[in-house]
Each structure stands twice: as structure tokens, then as C-alpha cells.
């Protein structure tokens, strides 16, 4: 993905509204990472499976080592999404995420970058002050390998 070109927003995140997103826009943001202690702590609290909580047991498991919970991976994606792509002043809510896939495991020390492609910008038919933003998201590691993919939908305010 190093030879790909990416767009830049013309409006800063604190002045970004539905009109500032264009279908076909592609953006790249990063980076986040996670270490083994963070993986284990998260898993003990939210996803207590040995592939996430016990490095020794995980070494003999199906992934050959400790991996992050998919939900921790999704949280890291959301951090990059909220900090860089999603407007900080006009985001109203989200009706959901479609087609969430954990493509490959997130391992300790992986460095994550988020690729966002704006696939839909649709003003509401019933509420003219807002619309729906649809975005294909791909979280990649330092080797440009996809870790997570999803389609995010967000309700975003329009400029008044």
C-alpha cells in the first residue's frame, strides 16, 4: 500500500460536517500499537480466553502465540477512526457497523494504521439537518497486511 495515494480533508476535524466527506475519498491515519501486557489486561477484563490471557498456553494454540482479542482490535480501530476521520463536532451517533471481520490476528508490537474509504454520503430524506456517512475501514499492520475490515455507518450533521 506504500505506492497508493490518499486524500486529505479540506476541513479540520473540529469543523467537519457531512458536506466535507466525498464519496471515493481515501484516507490513511496511524499509528496505534499494543504490547503483550495491554493484550493480557484487556482480555482478563473483557475476553478471558487463553489465546489472549496466557502467553504460554497461546504459544501452543492455533495462532502460535499471544493475540489480541478482536474486540480490543476493534477498539484500537475506533480510536484511530474517532481521532482522525470522524468529525468531532458533527457526529451524532451510529446505527451500526456491518461486515466486521478480523482478517488476521493482532500480535504484541504490531503497529496499526487505518485506511478509510468514504463509500456513501447521503442526506437524510426526513431530517434535513443530517445524513448518513458510510465508510469502508481497513486496519493494517506494519507490513500492510489487513487486520480488521468493516463498514461503518455514522449519522453526521450538515452545515446550517
C-alpha atoms as a PDB file:
ATOM      1  CA  UNK A   1       0.000   0.000   0.000  1.00  0.00           C
ATOM      2  CA  UNK A   2       3.008   2.304   0.019  1.00  0.00           C
ATOM      3  CA  UNK A   3       2.514   3.396  -3.605  1.00  0.00           C
ATOM      4  CA  UNK A   4      -1.145   4.309  -3.085  1.00  0.00           C
ATOM      5  CA  UNK A   5      -2.263   7.892  -2.941  1.00  0.00           C
ATOM      6  CA  UNK A   6      -4.530   9.201  -0.231  1.00  0.00           C
ATOM      7  CA  UNK A   7      -6.698  12.274   0.077  1.00  0.00           C
ATOM      8  CA  UNK A   8      -6.618  14.976   2.718  1.00  0.00           C
ATOM      9  CA  UNK A   9      -9.615  16.725   4.196  1.00  0.00           C
ATOM     10  CA  UNK A  10     -10.037  20.413   3.402  1.00  0.00           C
ATOM     11  CA  UNK A  11     -11.811  20.972   6.732  1.00  0.00           C
ATOM     12  CA  UNK A  12     -10.193  20.206  10.095  1.00  0.00           C
ATOM     13  CA  UNK A  13     -11.811  17.561  12.294  1.00  0.00           C
ATOM     14  CA  UNK A  14     -13.311  20.236  14.557  1.00  0.00           C
ATOM     15  CA  UNK A  15     -15.067  21.930  11.616  1.00  0.00           C
ATOM     16  CA  UNK A  16     -16.020  18.887   9.540  1.00  0.00           C
ATOM     17  CA  UNK A  17     -19.628  18.233   8.530  1.00  0.00           C
ATOM     18  CA  UNK A  18     -21.362  15.805   6.190  1.00  0.00           C
ATOM     19  CA  UNK A  19     -20.603  18.035   3.185  1.00  0.00           C
ATOM     20  CA  UNK A  20     -16.860  17.692   3.839  1.00  0.00           C
ATOM     21  CA  UNK A  21     -16.897  13.978   3.059  1.00  0.00           C
ATOM     22  CA  UNK A  22     -16.793  12.989  -0.614  1.00  0.00           C
ATOM     23  CA  UNK A  23     -17.637   9.565  -1.989  1.00  0.00           C
ATOM     24  CA  UNK A  24     -14.473   7.875  -3.161  1.00  0.00           C
ATOM     25  CA  UNK A  25     -12.229   9.774  -0.766  1.00  0.00           C
ATOM     26  CA  UNK A  26      -9.425   7.607   0.667  1.00  0.00           C
ATOM     27  CA  UNK A  27      -7.546   8.496   3.817  1.00  0.00           C
ATOM     28  CA  UNK A  28      -4.710   6.994   5.820  1.00  0.00           C
ATOM     29  CA  UNK A  29      -4.182   7.513   9.556  1.00  0.00           C
ATOM     30  CA  UNK A  30      -1.911   5.934  12.140  1.00  0.00           C
ATOM     31  CA  UNK A  31      -0.458   4.699  14.220  1.00  0.00           C
ATOM     32  CA  UNK A  32      -1.555   2.716  17.252  1.00  0.00           C
ATOM     33  CA  UNK A  33       0.139  -0.265  18.818  1.00  0.00           C
ATOM     34  CA  UNK A  34      -0.406  -2.674  21.655  1.00  0.00           C
ATOM     35  CA  UNK A  35       2.010  -4.644  23.821  1.00  0.00           C
ATOM     36  CA  UNK A  36       1.595  -8.027  25.496  1.00  0.00           C
ATOM     37  CA  UNK A  37       0.687  -6.546  28.884  1.00  0.00           C
ATOM     38  CA  UNK A  38      -2.116  -4.473  27.331  1.00  0.00           C
ATOM     39  CA  UNK A  39      -3.436  -7.515  25.470  1.00  0.00           C
ATOM     40  CA  UNK A  40      -3.490  -9.632  28.626  1.00  0.00           C
ATOM     41  CA  UNK A  41      -5.065  -6.874  30.766  1.00  0.00           C
ATOM     42  CA  UNK A  42      -7.833  -6.225  28.241  1.00  0.00           C
ATOM     43  CA  UNK A  43      -8.540  -9.931  27.854  1.00  0.00           C
ATOM     44  CA  UNK A  44      -8.689 -10.599  31.591  1.00  0.00           C
ATOM     45  CA  UNK A  45     -11.378  -7.949  31.832  1.00  0.00           C
ATOM     46  CA  UNK A  46     -13.362  -8.499  28.621  1.00  0.00           C
ATOM     47  CA  UNK A  47     -12.384 -11.664  26.711  1.00  0.00           C
ATOM     48  CA  UNK A  48     -10.781 -14.210  29.062  1.00  0.00           C
ATOM     49  CA  UNK A  49      -9.647 -16.841  26.604  1.00  0.00           C
ATOM     50  CA  UNK A  50      -6.183 -18.368  26.948  1.00  0.00           C
ATOM     51  CA  UNK A  51      -5.106 -17.200  23.463  1.00  0.00           C
ATOM     52  CA  UNK A  52      -5.437 -13.667  24.887  1.00  0.00           C
ATOM     53  CA  UNK A  53      -4.544 -14.110  28.570  1.00  0.00           C
ATOM     54  CA  UNK A  54      -1.813 -16.745  28.807  1.00  0.00           C
ATOM     55  CA  UNK A  55       1.290 -16.383  26.606  1.00  0.00           C
ATOM     56  CA  UNK A  56       2.461 -19.932  27.390  1.00  0.00           C
ATOM     57  CA  UNK A  57      -0.863 -21.552  26.557  1.00  0.00           C
ATOM     58  CA  UNK A  58      -1.208 -19.317  23.495  1.00  0.00           C
ATOM     59  CA  UNK A  59       2.185 -20.493  22.206  1.00  0.00           C
ATOM     60  CA  UNK A  60       0.721 -23.983  21.811  1.00  0.00           C
ATOM     61  CA  UNK A  61      -2.585 -22.729  20.430  1.00  0.00           C
ATOM     62  CA  UNK A  62      -3.845 -22.261  16.885  1.00  0.00           C
ATOM     63  CA  UNK A  63      -2.063 -18.914  16.385  1.00  0.00           C
ATOM     64  CA  UNK A  64       1.326 -19.937  17.769  1.00  0.00           C
ATOM     65  CA  UNK A  65       1.403 -17.109  20.286  1.00  0.00           C
ATOM     66  CA  UNK A  66      -0.478 -14.432  22.159  1.00  0.00           C
ATOM     67  CA  UNK A  67      -3.019 -12.444  20.132  1.00  0.00           C
ATOM     68  CA  UNK A  68      -5.291  -9.537  20.997  1.00  0.00           C
ATOM     69  CA  UNK A  69      -8.998 -10.002  21.385  1.00  0.00           C
ATOM     70  CA  UNK A  70     -10.874  -8.986  18.273  1.00  0.00           C
ATOM     71  CA  UNK A  71     -12.797  -6.543  20.439  1.00  0.00           C
ATOM     72  CA  UNK A  72      -9.565  -4.879  21.520  1.00  0.00           C
ATOM     73  CA  UNK A  73      -8.583  -4.676  17.859  1.00  0.00           C
ATOM     74  CA  UNK A  74     -11.950  -3.047  17.100  1.00  0.00           C
ATOM     75  CA  UNK A  75     -11.392  -0.559  19.943  1.00  0.00           C
ATOM     76  CA  UNK A  76      -7.989   0.405  18.529  1.00  0.00           C
ATOM     77  CA  UNK A  77      -9.580   0.885  15.115  1.00  0.00           C
ATOM     78  CA  UNK A  78     -12.258   3.069  16.684  1.00  0.00           C
ATOM     79  CA  UNK A  79      -9.631   5.225  18.389  1.00  0.00           C
ATOM     80  CA  UNK A  80      -7.936   5.960  15.064  1.00  0.00           C
ATOM     81  CA  UNK A  81     -11.331   6.476  13.380  1.00  0.00           C
ATOM     82  CA  UNK A  82     -12.585   8.925  16.029  1.00  0.00           C
ATOM     83  CA  UNK A  83      -9.304  10.831  16.360  1.00  0.00           C
ATOM     84  CA  UNK A  84      -8.703  11.310  12.645  1.00  0.00           C
ATOM     85  CA  UNK A  85     -11.631  10.631  10.336  1.00  0.00           C
ATOM     86  CA  UNK A  86     -14.918  11.117  12.141  1.00  0.00           C
ATOM     87  CA  UNK A  87     -15.897  14.711  12.784  1.00  0.00           C
ATOM     88  CA  UNK A  88     -15.508  15.834  16.371  1.00  0.00           C
ATOM     89  CA  UNK A  89     -18.299  18.447  16.111  1.00  0.00           C
ATOM     90  CA  UNK A  90     -20.982  16.918  13.896  1.00  0.00           C
ATOM     91  CA  UNK A  91     -21.017  13.204  14.716  1.00  0.00           C
ATOM     92  CA  UNK A  92     -24.494  12.412  16.049  1.00  0.00           C
ATOM     93  CA  UNK A  93     -24.489   8.630  16.526  1.00  0.00           C
ATOM     94  CA  UNK A  94     -24.032   5.398  14.642  1.00  0.00           C
ATOM     95  CA  UNK A  95     -26.741   2.994  13.554  1.00  0.00           C
ATOM     96  CA  UNK A  96     -24.118   0.240  13.445  1.00  0.00           C
ATOM     97  CA  UNK A  97     -21.207  -1.448  11.757  1.00  0.00           C
ATOM     98  CA  UNK A  98     -21.611  -4.032   9.020  1.00  0.00           C
ATOM     99  CA  UNK A  99     -19.351  -6.863   7.922  1.00  0.00           C
ATOM    100  CA  UNK A 100     -16.857  -6.608  10.772  1.00  0.00           C
ATOM    101  CA  UNK A 101     -14.081  -9.104  10.038  1.00  0.00           C
ATOM    102  CA  UNK A 102     -10.930  -9.981  11.920  1.00  0.00           C
ATOM    103  CA  UNK A 103      -8.792 -10.874   8.938  1.00  0.00           C
ATOM    104  CA  UNK A 104      -5.622 -11.821  10.812  1.00  0.00           C
ATOM    105  CA  UNK A 105      -4.575 -11.688  14.444  1.00  0.00           C
ATOM    106  CA  UNK A 106      -3.192  -8.597  16.123  1.00  0.00           C
ATOM    107  CA  UNK A 107       0.049  -9.503  17.855  1.00  0.00           C
ATOM    108  CA  UNK A 108       2.050  -7.702  20.520  1.00  0.00           C
ATOM    109  CA  UNK A 109       4.150  -4.947  18.966  1.00  0.00           C
ATOM    110  CA  UNK A 110       2.137  -4.650  15.765  1.00  0.00           C
ATOM    111  CA  UNK A 111       1.893  -1.060  14.552  1.00  0.00           C
ATOM    112  CA  UNK A 112      -1.535  -0.224  13.185  1.00  0.00           C
ATOM    113  CA  UNK A 113      -2.655   2.194  10.502  1.00  0.00           C
ATOM    114  CA  UNK A 114      -6.238   2.887   9.474  1.00  0.00           C
ATOM    115  CA  UNK A 115      -7.363   3.224   5.860  1.00  0.00           C
ATOM    116  CA  UNK A 116     -10.801   4.822   5.370  1.00  0.00           C
ATOM    117  CA  UNK A 117     -12.695   4.943   2.097  1.00  0.00           C
ATOM    118  CA  UNK A 118     -15.810   7.079   2.009  1.00  0.00           C
ATOM    119  CA  UNK A 119     -18.349   4.940   0.162  1.00  0.00           C
ATOM    120  CA  UNK A 120     -21.544   6.868   0.831  1.00  0.00           C
ATOM    121  CA  UNK A 121     -22.649  10.374   1.748  1.00  0.00           C
ATOM    122  CA  UNK A 122     -26.432  10.594   1.828  1.00  0.00           C
ATOM    123  CA  UNK A 123     -28.516  13.446   3.230  1.00  0.00           C
ATOM    124  CA  UNK A 124     -31.479  12.237   5.273  1.00  0.00           C
ATOM    125  CA  UNK A 125     -34.791  12.208   3.472  1.00  0.00           C
ATOM    126  CA  UNK A 126     -36.715  13.061   6.640  1.00  0.00           C
ATOM    127  CA  UNK A 127     -34.267  15.159   8.698  1.00  0.00           C
ATOM    128  CA  UNK A 128     -32.571  17.823   6.558  1.00  0.00           C
ATOM    129  CA  UNK A 129     -30.075  18.743   9.279  1.00  0.00           C
ATOM    130  CA  UNK A 130     -28.197  15.426   8.959  1.00  0.00           C
ATOM    131  CA  UNK A 131     -27.240  12.487   6.803  1.00  0.00           C
ATOM    132  CA  UNK A 132     -25.566   9.091   6.757  1.00  0.00           C
ATOM    133  CA  UNK A 133     -21.846   8.674   6.148  1.00  0.00           C
ATOM    134  CA  UNK A 134     -20.757   5.183   5.094  1.00  0.00           C
ATOM    135  CA  UNK A 135     -17.101   4.239   5.282  1.00  0.00           C
ATOM    136  CA  UNK A 136     -15.141   1.091   4.470  1.00  0.00           C
ATOM    137  CA  UNK A 137     -12.412   0.776   7.076  1.00  0.00           C
ATOM    138  CA  UNK A 138      -9.313  -1.397   6.942  1.00  0.00           C
ATOM    139  CA  UNK A 139      -6.873  -1.636   9.820  1.00  0.00           C
ATOM    140  CA  UNK A 140      -3.445  -2.737   8.594  1.00  0.00           C
ATOM    141  CA  UNK A 141      -0.257  -3.730  10.381  1.00  0.00           C
ATOM    142  CA  UNK A 142       3.290  -2.531   9.745  1.00  0.00           C
ATOM    143  CA  UNK A 143       3.552  -4.988   6.819  1.00  0.00           C
ATOM    144  CA  UNK A 144       0.433  -3.500   5.166  1.00  0.00           C
ATOM    145  CA  UNK A 145      -1.477  -6.710   5.956  1.00  0.00           C
ATOM    146  CA  UNK A 146      -5.151  -6.240   6.821  1.00  0.00           C
ATOM    147  CA  UNK A 147      -6.006  -6.998  10.445  1.00  0.00           C
ATOM    148  CA  UNK A 148      -9.626  -5.815  10.540  1.00  0.00           C
ATOM    149  CA  UNK A 149     -12.168  -4.725   7.945  1.00  0.00           C
ATOM    150  CA  UNK A 150     -15.646  -3.275   8.442  1.00  0.00           C
ATOM    151  CA  UNK A 151     -18.225  -0.920   7.009  1.00  0.00           C
ATOM    152  CA  UNK A 152     -19.019   1.894   9.432  1.00  0.00           C
ATOM    153  CA  UNK A 153     -22.173   3.985   9.272  1.00  0.00           C
ATOM    154  CA  UNK A 154     -22.433   7.304  11.062  1.00  0.00           C
ATOM    155  CA  UNK A 155     -25.119   9.950  11.358  1.00  0.00           C
ATOM    156  CA  UNK A 156     -23.421  13.294  10.749  1.00  0.00           C
ATOM    157  CA  UNK A 157     -24.843  16.797  10.974  1.00  0.00           C
ATOM    158  CA  UNK A 158     -24.953  19.044   7.917  1.00  0.00           C
ATOM    159  CA  UNK A 159     -23.776  22.653   7.914  1.00  0.00           C
ATOM    160  CA  UNK A 160     -26.579  25.061   8.692  1.00  0.00           C
END
